[in-house]
Amino acid sequence: MQPMNFPSLEHLIAPRLERDVHELFLSIRSKRGEYDFKHWHKRLLEDIQNWQLIFATNDYCYGFWLETLMNCYRASQIESGIRCVSDKDQASQLVDLTLAKLERVFQSADILEIIKEKNERHVKQVQRYQDEYDKVTQYCFDLNKINLICAYQPELAGTISILEMNKHIQHFNKHLKQQEYFPVNYLYWYRRVIRIPETNQYVMLLSITVNARIYSDTSYYVDRLKAVWNFSTGFKGMMIDLNDDNQSHELVNQLFTEFDDQHDLDGLRKRDIVNTSKDSMGVRVWPIGFKHFIGTSGK
């Protein structure tokens, strides 16, 4: 079995396990004595088969809570010598060890500082993208925005894993840099990949800023982008133009009516990166080298 190729792991199991670990953290840190070892031992033991699936490879990265669980789990495996969790007694022992490590980590004085530092680093990264945008557009007062949603055909959207989408994005970016495919000297290019929890699918938000005095009509370039995205996805993709007043796709109506790079960067600046709420659109597991969001000045 190749873990992480299955969207159910990425969209259902990983977010739920992440919320469980966050809830465990809050329980352990509670001043009201809400932490119940037996309750959490039972709860984690019931889910240990899913840990194996999610943490079975070194090729993927995780958010803060899953990474903490993974580190404690793998250390417990090494120290105990337990590799197979099909034996109930051994699995229970492994959960004991993992839970004890999680307790020590979550009770430590530095855990809050670690979370604070992660959020501060995130804000600095967002600010760097904002500063670069401001620099390349400071003398251009007539701007055009190409704002798009790069998605998948409705009947396929729920079957696309983050691993597969990452390959599609790499192909898309490669073609985007070539004049023969996308003949535009843009000022700024920004994109973010999100997970839509209600429909268990990934989409990429794309915003390209151009000089309106040169590119007054962007319809041709939007068509080029649609063709490149469709080709890059093996003709599984679809692209939604958010500047098209006639666009009535459900993603537009429900989620992204006001998206552009500045609006999105402002939202990211205020985001808590360890947030685990059910409506969070953050990607929960991702391949090494994957960029959740990125902005760059023109070619």
C-alpha atoms as a PDB file:
ATOM      1  CA  MET A   1       0.000   0.000   0.000  1.00  0.00           C
ATOM      2  CA  GLN A   2       1.214   3.497  -0.814  1.00  0.00           C
ATOM      3  CA  PRO A   3      -0.043   5.858   1.878  1.00  0.00           C
ATOM      4  CA  MET A   4      -1.347   9.271   1.074  1.00  0.00           C
ATOM      5  CA  ASN A   5      -2.516   8.381  -2.427  1.00  0.00           C
ATOM      6  CA  PHE A   6      -5.942   7.952  -0.912  1.00  0.00           C
ATOM      7  CA  PRO A   7      -7.980  11.147  -0.546  1.00  0.00           C
ATOM      8  CA  SER A   8      -9.862   9.653   2.417  1.00  0.00           C
ATOM      9  CA  LEU A   9      -6.624   9.727   4.429  1.00  0.00           C
ATOM     10  CA  GLU A  10      -5.993  13.336   3.504  1.00  0.00           C
ATOM     11  CA  HIS A  11      -9.513  14.695   3.800  1.00  0.00           C
ATOM     12  CA  LEU A  12     -11.070  12.605   6.564  1.00  0.00           C
ATOM     13  CA  ILE A  13      -8.552  10.756   8.733  1.00  0.00           C
ATOM     14  CA  ALA A  14      -5.756  13.346   8.943  1.00  0.00           C
ATOM     15  CA  PRO A  15      -8.021  16.305   9.861  1.00  0.00           C
ATOM     16  CA  ARG A  16      -9.855  14.239  12.473  1.00  0.00           C
ATOM     17  CA  LEU A  17      -6.639  12.942  14.024  1.00  0.00           C
ATOM     18  CA  GLU A  18      -5.216  16.457  14.005  1.00  0.00           C
ATOM     19  CA  ARG A  19      -8.271  17.769  15.877  1.00  0.00           C
ATOM     20  CA  ASP A  20      -7.954  14.914  18.373  1.00  0.00           C
ATOM     21  CA  VAL A  21      -4.332  15.787  19.156  1.00  0.00           C
ATOM     22  CA  HIS A  22      -5.196  19.465  19.521  1.00  0.00           C
ATOM     23  CA  GLU A  23      -8.053  18.550  21.859  1.00  0.00           C
ATOM     24  CA  LEU A  24      -5.644  16.352  23.838  1.00  0.00           C
ATOM     25  CA  PHE A  25      -3.279  19.322  24.148  1.00  0.00           C
ATOM     26  CA  LEU A  26      -6.068  21.542  25.485  1.00  0.00           C
ATOM     27  CA  SER A  27      -7.138  18.813  27.905  1.00  0.00           C
ATOM     28  CA  ILE A  28      -3.611  18.353  29.261  1.00  0.00           C
ATOM     29  CA  ARG A  29      -3.078  22.120  29.582  1.00  0.00           C
ATOM     30  CA  SER A  30      -6.460  22.673  31.228  1.00  0.00           C
ATOM     31  CA  LYS A  31      -6.341  24.191  34.701  1.00  0.00           C
ATOM     32  CA  ARG A  32      -9.644  22.511  35.547  1.00  0.00           C
ATOM     33  CA  GLY A  33      -8.146  19.019  35.576  1.00  0.00           C
ATOM     34  CA  GLU A  34     -10.064  17.781  32.553  1.00  0.00           C
ATOM     35  CA  TYR A  35      -7.375  15.362  31.362  1.00  0.00           C
ATOM     36  CA  ASP A  36      -8.401  11.697  31.641  1.00  0.00           C
ATOM     37  CA  PHE A  37      -5.631   9.259  30.709  1.00  0.00           C
ATOM     38  CA  LYS A  38      -7.934   6.247  30.309  1.00  0.00           C
ATOM     39  CA  HIS A  39     -10.282   8.169  28.010  1.00  0.00           C
ATOM     40  CA  TRP A  40      -7.461   9.298  25.760  1.00  0.00           C
ATOM     41  CA  HIS A  41      -5.758   5.918  25.782  1.00  0.00           C
ATOM     42  CA  LYS A  42      -8.975   4.296  24.556  1.00  0.00           C
ATOM     43  CA  ARG A  43      -9.580   7.035  21.995  1.00  0.00           C
ATOM     44  CA  LEU A  44      -6.087   6.875  20.513  1.00  0.00           C
ATOM     45  CA  LEU A  45      -5.977   3.077  20.570  1.00  0.00           C
ATOM     46  CA  GLU A  46      -9.125   2.945  18.461  1.00  0.00           C
ATOM     47  CA  ASP A  47      -7.373   5.036  15.812  1.00  0.00           C
ATOM     48  CA  ILE A  48      -3.896   3.517  15.856  1.00  0.00           C
ATOM     49  CA  GLN A  49      -4.370   1.653  12.566  1.00  0.00           C
ATOM     50  CA  ASN A  50      -4.785   5.024  10.879  1.00  0.00           C
ATOM     51  CA  TRP A  51      -1.530   6.273  12.394  1.00  0.00           C
ATOM     52  CA  GLN A  52       0.287   3.538  10.533  1.00  0.00           C
ATOM     53  CA  LEU A  53      -1.237   4.620   7.249  1.00  0.00           C
ATOM     54  CA  ILE A  54      -0.497   8.306   7.745  1.00  0.00           C
ATOM     55  CA  PHE A  55       3.005   7.926   9.200  1.00  0.00           C
ATOM     56  CA  ALA A  56       4.188   4.983   7.075  1.00  0.00           C
ATOM     57  CA  THR A  57       6.502   7.075   4.889  1.00  0.00           C
ATOM     58  CA  ASN A  58       9.119   9.798   5.258  1.00  0.00           C
ATOM     59  CA  ASP A  59       8.058  11.457   2.016  1.00  0.00           C
ATOM     60  CA  TYR A  60       5.364  13.666   3.507  1.00  0.00           C
ATOM     61  CA  CYS A  61       5.078  16.625   5.844  1.00  0.00           C
ATOM     62  CA  TYR A  62       2.419  17.379   8.428  1.00  0.00           C
ATOM     63  CA  GLY A  63       0.978  20.253  10.390  1.00  0.00           C
ATOM     64  CA  PHE A  64       2.139  20.977  13.933  1.00  0.00           C
ATOM     65  CA  TRP A  65      -0.201  18.601  15.768  1.00  0.00           C
ATOM     66  CA  LEU A  66       0.273  15.617  13.472  1.00  0.00           C
ATOM     67  CA  GLU A  67       4.029  16.172  13.406  1.00  0.00           C
ATOM     68  CA  THR A  68       4.125  16.145  17.204  1.00  0.00           C
ATOM     69  CA  LEU A  69       2.104  12.925  17.317  1.00  0.00           C
ATOM     70  CA  MET A  70       4.316  11.359  14.645  1.00  0.00           C
ATOM     71  CA  ASN A  71       7.531  12.176  16.519  1.00  0.00           C
ATOM     72  CA  CYS A  72       6.203  10.692  19.761  1.00  0.00           C
ATOM     73  CA  TYR A  73       4.773   7.649  17.978  1.00  0.00           C
ATOM     74  CA  ARG A  74       7.937   6.839  16.024  1.00  0.00           C
ATOM     75  CA  ALA A  75      10.165   7.318  19.074  1.00  0.00           C
ATOM     76  CA  SER A  76       7.894   4.949  21.015  1.00  0.00           C
ATOM     77  CA  GLN A  77       8.127   2.386  18.213  1.00  0.00           C
ATOM     78  CA  ILE A  78      11.916   2.497  18.240  1.00  0.00           C
ATOM     79  CA  GLU A  79      12.212   2.303  22.026  1.00  0.00           C
ATOM     80  CA  SER A  80       9.699  -0.539  22.373  1.00  0.00           C
ATOM     81  CA  GLY A  81      10.622  -2.457  19.246  1.00  0.00           C
ATOM     82  CA  ILE A  82       6.933  -2.661  18.345  1.00  0.00           C
ATOM     83  CA  ARG A  83       6.339  -2.383  14.619  1.00  0.00           C
ATOM     84  CA  CYS A  84       3.072  -4.234  14.086  1.00  0.00           C
ATOM     85  CA  VAL A  85      -0.038  -2.902  15.802  1.00  0.00           C
ATOM     86  CA  SER A  86      -2.335  -5.778  14.880  1.00  0.00           C
ATOM     87  CA  ASP A  87      -1.607  -7.363  18.283  1.00  0.00           C
ATOM     88  CA  LYS A  88      -3.916  -5.636  20.755  1.00  0.00           C
ATOM     89  CA  ASP A  89      -1.569  -5.841  23.748  1.00  0.00           C
ATOM     90  CA  GLN A  90       1.385  -4.466  21.812  1.00  0.00           C
ATOM     91  CA  ALA A  91      -0.749  -1.725  20.318  1.00  0.00           C
ATOM     92  CA  SER A  92      -1.942  -0.770  23.805  1.00  0.00           C
ATOM     93  CA  GLN A  93       1.652  -0.641  25.036  1.00  0.00           C
ATOM     94  CA  LEU A  94       2.604   1.568  22.099  1.00  0.00           C
ATOM     95  CA  VAL A  95      -0.248   3.966  22.876  1.00  0.00           C
ATOM     96  CA  ASP A  96       0.881   4.070  26.533  1.00  0.00           C
ATOM     97  CA  LEU A  97       4.359   5.139  25.504  1.00  0.00           C
ATOM     98  CA  THR A  98       3.148   7.611  22.887  1.00  0.00           C
ATOM     99  CA  LEU A  99       0.639   9.208  25.234  1.00  0.00           C
ATOM    100  CA  ALA A 100       3.254   9.569  27.976  1.00  0.00           C
ATOM    101  CA  LYS A 101       5.531  11.420  25.548  1.00  0.00           C
ATOM    102  CA  LEU A 102       2.681  13.651  24.388  1.00  0.00           C
ATOM    103  CA  GLU A 103       1.922  14.500  28.018  1.00  0.00           C
ATOM    104  CA  ARG A 104       5.507  15.594  28.636  1.00  0.00           C
ATOM    105  CA  VAL A 105       5.618  17.649  25.443  1.00  0.00           C
ATOM    106  CA  PHE A 106       2.282  19.362  26.049  1.00  0.00           C
ATOM    107  CA  GLN A 107       3.010  20.074  29.718  1.00  0.00           C
ATOM    108  CA  SER A 108       6.359  21.670  28.924  1.00  0.00           C
ATOM    109  CA  ALA A 109       6.875  25.385  29.415  1.00  0.00           C
ATOM    110  CA  ASP A 110       8.222  25.905  25.908  1.00  0.00           C
ATOM    111  CA  ILE A 111       5.292  24.484  23.920  1.00  0.00           C
ATOM    112  CA  LEU A 112       3.440  27.810  23.824  1.00  0.00           C
ATOM    113  CA  GLU A 113       6.607  29.602  22.710  1.00  0.00           C
ATOM    114  CA  ILE A 114       7.067  27.070  19.908  1.00  0.00           C
ATOM    115  CA  ILE A 115       3.521  27.705  18.678  1.00  0.00           C
ATOM    116  CA  LYS A 116       4.042  31.459  18.958  1.00  0.00           C
ATOM    117  CA  GLU A 117       7.273  31.245  16.954  1.00  0.00           C
ATOM    118  CA  LYS A 118       5.588  29.216  14.203  1.00  0.00           C
ATOM    119  CA  ASN A 119       2.859  31.827  13.852  1.00  0.00           C
ATOM    120  CA  GLU A 120       5.388  34.675  13.837  1.00  0.00           C
ATOM    121  CA  ARG A 121       7.428  32.938  11.139  1.00  0.00           C
ATOM    122  CA  HIS A 122       4.254  32.492   9.094  1.00  0.00           C
ATOM    123  CA  VAL A 123       3.396  36.201   9.395  1.00  0.00           C
ATOM    124  CA  LYS A 124       6.917  37.194   8.320  1.00  0.00           C
ATOM    125  CA  GLN A 125       6.647  34.993   5.243  1.00  0.00           C
ATOM    126  CA  VAL A 126       3.323  36.558   4.279  1.00  0.00           C
ATOM    127  CA  GLN A 127       4.789  40.025   4.830  1.00  0.00           C
ATOM    128  CA  ARG A 128       7.726  39.233   2.526  1.00  0.00           C
ATOM    129  CA  TYR A 129       5.288  38.431  -0.279  1.00  0.00           C
ATOM    130  CA  GLN A 130       3.358  41.616   0.458  1.00  0.00           C
ATOM    131  CA  ASP A 131       6.523  43.719   0.433  1.00  0.00           C
ATOM    132  CA  GLU A 132       7.581  42.233  -2.901  1.00  0.00           C
ATOM    133  CA  TYR A 133       4.154  42.978  -4.388  1.00  0.00           C
ATOM    134  CA  ASP A 134       4.302  46.569  -3.148  1.00  0.00           C
ATOM    135  CA  LYS A 135       7.781  47.009  -4.617  1.00  0.00           C
ATOM    136  CA  VAL A 136       6.957  45.782  -8.140  1.00  0.00           C
ATOM    137  CA  THR A 137       3.670  47.698  -8.346  1.00  0.00           C
ATOM    138  CA  GLN A 138       4.668  50.969  -6.662  1.00  0.00           C
ATOM    139  CA  TYR A 139       5.098  52.887  -9.951  1.00  0.00           C
ATOM    140  CA  CYS A 140       2.282  51.189 -11.824  1.00  0.00           C
ATOM    141  CA  PHE A 141      -1.051  52.826 -11.032  1.00  0.00           C
ATOM    142  CA  ASP A 142      -3.118  51.062 -13.669  1.00  0.00           C
ATOM    143  CA  LEU A 143      -3.294  47.372 -12.822  1.00  0.00           C
ATOM    144  CA  ASN A 144      -5.258  44.443 -14.162  1.00  0.00           C
ATOM    145  CA  LYS A 145      -5.884  41.312 -12.120  1.00  0.00           C
ATOM    146  CA  ILE A 146      -6.403  37.828 -13.488  1.00  0.00           C
ATOM    147  CA  ASN A 147      -8.098  35.970 -10.632  1.00  0.00           C
ATOM    148  CA  LEU A 148      -8.779  32.281 -11.156  1.00  0.00           C
ATOM    149  CA  ILE A 149      -9.716  29.079  -9.387  1.00  0.00           C
ATOM    150  CA  CYS A 150      -7.830  26.064 -10.716  1.00  0.00           C
ATOM    151  CA  ALA A 151     -10.025  23.100  -9.873  1.00  0.00           C
ATOM    152  CA  TYR A 152     -11.021  19.685 -11.197  1.00  0.00           C
ATOM    153  CA  GLN A 153     -14.001  18.280 -13.016  1.00  0.00           C
ATOM    154  CA  PRO A 154     -16.777  17.754 -10.423  1.00  0.00           C
ATOM    155  CA  GLU A 155     -16.921  13.997 -10.920  1.00  0.00           C
ATOM    156  CA  LEU A 156     -13.135  13.712 -10.347  1.00  0.00           C
ATOM    157  CA  ALA A 157     -12.440  16.411  -7.753  1.00  0.00           C
ATOM    158  CA  GLY A 158     -12.892  14.140  -4.741  1.00  0.00           C
ATOM    159  CA  THR A 159     -10.484  11.525  -6.109  1.00  0.00           C
ATOM    160  CA  ILE A 160      -7.449  13.809  -6.538  1.00  0.00           C
ATOM    161  CA  SER A 161      -4.804  13.411  -3.822  1.00  0.00           C
ATOM    162  CA  ILE A 162      -2.444  16.194  -2.802  1.00  0.00           C
ATOM    163  CA  LEU A 163       0.404  14.148  -4.282  1.00  0.00           C
ATOM    164  CA  GLU A 164      -1.286  14.109  -7.677  1.00  0.00           C
ATOM    165  CA  MET A 165      -2.215  17.782  -7.490  1.00  0.00           C
ATOM    166  CA  ASN A 166       1.357  18.713  -6.620  1.00  0.00           C
ATOM    167  CA  LYS A 167       2.519  17.081  -9.857  1.00  0.00           C
ATOM    168  CA  HIS A 168      -0.151  18.978 -11.782  1.00  0.00           C
ATOM    169  CA  ILE A 169       1.015  22.268 -10.242  1.00  0.00           C
ATOM    170  CA  GLN A 170       4.638  21.533 -11.113  1.00  0.00           C
ATOM    171  CA  HIS A 171       3.692  20.911 -14.748  1.00  0.00           C
ATOM    172  CA  PHE A 172       1.523  24.034 -14.769  1.00  0.00           C
ATOM    173  CA  ASN A 173       4.305  26.215 -13.341  1.00  0.00           C
ATOM    174  CA  LYS A 174       6.798  24.868 -15.856  1.00  0.00           C
ATOM    175  CA  HIS A 175       4.580  25.881 -18.781  1.00  0.00           C
ATOM    176  CA  LEU A 176       3.638  29.192 -17.185  1.00  0.00           C
ATOM    177  CA  LYS A 177       7.276  30.291 -17.317  1.00  0.00           C
ATOM    178  CA  GLN A 178       7.510  29.745 -21.065  1.00  0.00           C
ATOM    179  CA  GLN A 179       6.520  32.548 -23.431  1.00  0.00           C
ATOM    180  CA  GLU A 180       5.163  30.129 -26.019  1.00  0.00           C
ATOM    181  CA  TYR A 181       2.528  28.928 -23.561  1.00  0.00           C
ATOM    182  CA  PHE A 182       1.863  32.119 -21.620  1.00  0.00           C
ATOM    183  CA  PRO A 183       3.191  35.228 -23.429  1.00  0.00           C
ATOM    184  CA  VAL A 184       2.769  37.696 -20.573  1.00  0.00           C
ATOM    185  CA  ASN A 185       5.301  39.788 -18.690  1.00  0.00           C
ATOM    186  CA  TYR A 186       3.381  39.888 -15.439  1.00  0.00           C
ATOM    187  CA  LEU A 187       4.230  42.094 -12.472  1.00  0.00           C
ATOM    188  CA  TYR A 188       3.273  39.637  -9.758  1.00  0.00           C
ATOM    189  CA  TRP A 189       2.103  36.053  -9.561  1.00  0.00           C
ATOM    190  CA  TYR A 190       0.454  34.571  -6.467  1.00  0.00           C
ATOM    191  CA  ARG A 191      -1.137  31.241  -5.734  1.00  0.00           C
ATOM    192  CA  ARG A 192      -2.454  29.272  -2.769  1.00  0.00           C
ATOM    193  CA  VAL A 193      -3.634  25.684  -2.534  1.00  0.00           C
ATOM    194  CA  ILE A 194      -6.560  25.010  -0.236  1.00  0.00           C
ATOM    195  CA  ARG A 195      -8.660  22.065   0.863  1.00  0.00           C
ATOM    196  CA  ILE A 196     -12.433  22.444   0.804  1.00  0.00           C
ATOM    197  CA  PRO A 197     -13.661  20.334   3.749  1.00  0.00           C
ATOM    198  CA  GLU A 198     -17.318  20.356   2.703  1.00  0.00           C
ATOM    199  CA  THR A 199     -16.563  18.613  -0.585  1.00  0.00           C
ATOM    200  CA  ASN A 200     -13.203  16.942   0.174  1.00  0.00           C
ATOM    201  CA  GLN A 201     -11.368  18.480  -2.750  1.00  0.00           C
ATOM    202  CA  TYR A 202      -8.337  20.640  -3.444  1.00  0.00           C
ATOM    203  CA  VAL A 203      -8.306  23.811  -5.515  1.00  0.00           C
ATOM    204  CA  MET A 204      -5.606  26.321  -6.367  1.00  0.00           C
ATOM    205  CA  LEU A 205      -6.346  30.038  -6.130  1.00  0.00           C
ATOM    206  CA  LEU A 206      -4.329  31.986  -8.681  1.00  0.00           C
ATOM    207  CA  SER A 207      -3.927  35.756  -9.005  1.00  0.00           C
ATOM    208  CA  ILE A 208      -1.738  37.378 -11.677  1.00  0.00           C
ATOM    209  CA  THR A 209      -1.160  41.139 -11.676  1.00  0.00           C
ATOM    210  CA  VAL A 210      -0.332  42.828 -14.996  1.00  0.00           C
ATOM    211  CA  ASN A 211       0.143  46.357 -16.303  1.00  0.00           C
ATOM    212  CA  ALA A 212      -3.286  47.377 -17.629  1.00  0.00           C
ATOM    213  CA  ARG A 213      -1.744  49.852 -20.072  1.00  0.00           C
ATOM    214  CA  ILE A 214      -0.166  46.892 -21.840  1.00  0.00           C
ATOM    215  CA  TYR A 215      -2.709  44.169 -21.103  1.00  0.00           C
ATOM    216  CA  SER A 216      -6.031  45.995 -21.219  1.00  0.00           C
ATOM    217  CA  ASP A 217      -7.966  42.910 -22.322  1.00  0.00           C
ATOM    218  CA  THR A 218      -6.936  39.753 -20.455  1.00  0.00           C
ATOM    219  CA  SER A 219      -9.486  37.366 -21.982  1.00  0.00           C
ATOM    220  CA  TYR A 220      -6.940  35.800 -24.362  1.00  0.00           C
ATOM    221  CA  TYR A 221      -4.502  35.152 -21.515  1.00  0.00           C
ATOM    222  CA  VAL A 222      -7.222  33.626 -19.360  1.00  0.00           C
ATOM    223  CA  ASP A 223      -7.999  31.226 -22.202  1.00  0.00           C
ATOM    224  CA  ARG A 224      -4.306  30.337 -22.414  1.00  0.00           C
ATOM    225  CA  LEU A 225      -4.185  29.640 -18.686  1.00  0.00           C
ATOM    226  CA  LYS A 226      -7.279  27.457 -18.920  1.00  0.00           C
ATOM    227  CA  ALA A 227      -5.671  25.428 -21.694  1.00  0.00           C
ATOM    228  CA  VAL A 228      -2.383  25.042 -19.802  1.00  0.00           C
ATOM    229  CA  TRP A 229      -4.121  23.951 -16.592  1.00  0.00           C
ATOM    230  CA  ASN A 230      -6.294  21.467 -18.462  1.00  0.00           C
ATOM    231  CA  PHE A 231      -3.250  20.007 -20.201  1.00  0.00           C
ATOM    232  CA  SER A 232      -1.200  19.918 -16.962  1.00  0.00           C
ATOM    233  CA  THR A 233      -3.906  17.924 -15.176  1.00  0.00           C
ATOM    234  CA  GLY A 234      -4.222  15.322 -17.901  1.00  0.00           C
ATOM    235  CA  PHE A 235      -7.504  16.963 -18.951  1.00  0.00           C
ATOM    236  CA  LYS A 236      -9.021  16.414 -15.511  1.00  0.00           C
ATOM    237  CA  GLY A 237      -8.977  20.100 -14.652  1.00  0.00           C
ATOM    238  CA  MET A 238     -11.246  23.070 -15.005  1.00  0.00           C
ATOM    239  CA  MET A 239     -10.581  26.759 -14.420  1.00  0.00           C
ATOM    240  CA  ILE A 240     -12.997  29.389 -13.158  1.00  0.00           C
ATOM    241  CA  ASP A 241     -12.510  33.055 -14.021  1.00  0.00           C
ATOM    242  CA  LEU A 242     -13.533  35.122 -11.004  1.00  0.00           C
ATOM    243  CA  ASN A 243     -13.614  38.295 -13.086  1.00  0.00           C
ATOM    244  CA  ASP A 244     -16.338  36.850 -15.297  1.00  0.00           C
ATOM    245  CA  ASP A 245     -19.644  38.303 -14.126  1.00  0.00           C
ATOM    246  CA  ASN A 246     -21.476  35.443 -15.817  1.00  0.00           C
ATOM    247  CA  GLN A 247     -19.630  32.807 -13.809  1.00  0.00           C
ATOM    248  CA  SER A 248     -22.058  30.862 -11.613  1.00  0.00           C
ATOM    249  CA  HIS A 249     -20.024  27.881 -10.381  1.00  0.00           C
ATOM    250  CA  GLU A 250     -20.757  26.854  -6.777  1.00  0.00           C
ATOM    251  CA  LEU A 251     -17.154  27.593  -5.730  1.00  0.00           C
ATOM    252  CA  VAL A 252     -17.644  31.198  -6.807  1.00  0.00           C
ATOM    253  CA  ASN A 253     -21.038  31.608  -5.210  1.00  0.00           C
ATOM    254  CA  GLN A 254     -20.133  30.054  -1.871  1.00  0.00           C
ATOM    255  CA  LEU A 255     -16.464  30.769  -1.236  1.00  0.00           C
ATOM    256  CA  PHE A 256     -14.393  33.062  -3.398  1.00  0.00           C
ATOM    257  CA  THR A 257     -16.461  35.964  -4.637  1.00  0.00           C
ATOM    258  CA  GLU A 258     -13.828  38.491  -3.488  1.00  0.00           C
ATOM    259  CA  PHE A 259     -10.563  36.606  -3.982  1.00  0.00           C
ATOM    260  CA  ASP A 260      -7.431  38.317  -5.206  1.00  0.00           C
ATOM    261  CA  ASP A 261      -3.839  38.231  -3.968  1.00  0.00           C
ATOM    262  CA  GLN A 262      -4.130  41.263  -1.669  1.00  0.00           C
ATOM    263  CA  HIS A 263      -7.351  40.037  -0.103  1.00  0.00           C
ATOM    264  CA  ASP A 264      -5.835  36.593   0.425  1.00  0.00           C
ATOM    265  CA  LEU A 265      -2.521  37.788   1.853  1.00  0.00           C
ATOM    266  CA  ASP A 266      -4.406  39.931   4.342  1.00  0.00           C
ATOM    267  CA  GLY A 267      -6.401  36.894   5.450  1.00  0.00           C
ATOM    268  CA  LEU A 268      -3.281  34.736   5.744  1.00  0.00           C
ATOM    269  CA  ARG A 269      -1.592  37.360   7.903  1.00  0.00           C
ATOM    270  CA  LYS A 270      -4.362  36.943  10.501  1.00  0.00           C
ATOM    271  CA  ARG A 271      -4.446  33.156  10.331  1.00  0.00           C
ATOM    272  CA  ASP A 272      -3.493  30.877  13.226  1.00  0.00           C
ATOM    273  CA  ILE A 273      -1.447  28.160  11.522  1.00  0.00           C
ATOM    274  CA  VAL A 274      -2.169  25.579  14.240  1.00  0.00           C
ATOM    275  CA  ASN A 275      -5.913  25.998  13.764  1.00  0.00           C
ATOM    276  CA  THR A 276      -7.733  22.655  13.491  1.00  0.00           C
ATOM    277  CA  SER A 277     -11.358  23.756  13.107  1.00  0.00           C
ATOM    278  CA  LYS A 278     -13.538  21.658  10.824  1.00  0.00           C
ATOM    279  CA  ASP A 279     -14.042  24.550   8.409  1.00  0.00           C
ATOM    280  CA  SER A 280     -10.312  25.271   8.088  1.00  0.00           C
ATOM    281  CA  MET A 281      -9.149  25.210   4.463  1.00  0.00           C
ATOM    282  CA  GLY A 282      -5.522  24.421   5.242  1.00  0.00           C
ATOM    283  CA  VAL A 283      -3.942  21.418   3.531  1.00  0.00           C
ATOM    284  CA  ARG A 284      -3.387  18.827   6.284  1.00  0.00           C
ATOM    285  CA  VAL A 285      -0.715  16.586   4.759  1.00  0.00           C
ATOM    286  CA  TRP A 286       1.557  17.366   1.838  1.00  0.00           C
ATOM    287  CA  PRO A 287       4.610  16.075  -0.050  1.00  0.00           C
ATOM    288  CA  ILE A 288       8.102  17.370   0.670  1.00  0.00           C
ATOM    289  CA  GLY A 289       8.808  20.604  -1.190  1.00  0.00           C
ATOM    290  CA  PHE A 290       5.135  21.517  -1.501  1.00  0.00           C
ATOM    291  CA  LYS A 291       4.297  25.226  -1.136  1.00  0.00           C
ATOM    292  CA  HIS A 292       0.946  26.046   0.470  1.00  0.00           C
ATOM    293  CA  PHE A 293       1.132  29.571  -0.904  1.00  0.00           C
ATOM    294  CA  ILE A 294       3.728  31.521  -2.810  1.00  0.00           C
ATOM    295  CA  GLY A 295       4.141  34.892  -4.477  1.00  0.00           C
ATOM    296  CA  THR A 296       6.805  36.061  -6.880  1.00  0.00           C
ATOM    297  CA  SER A 297       7.601  39.093  -8.990  1.00  0.00           C
ATOM    298  CA  GLY A 298       7.461  38.996 -12.779  1.00  0.00           C
ATOM    299  CA  LYS A 299       9.594  37.093 -15.212  1.00  0.00           C
END
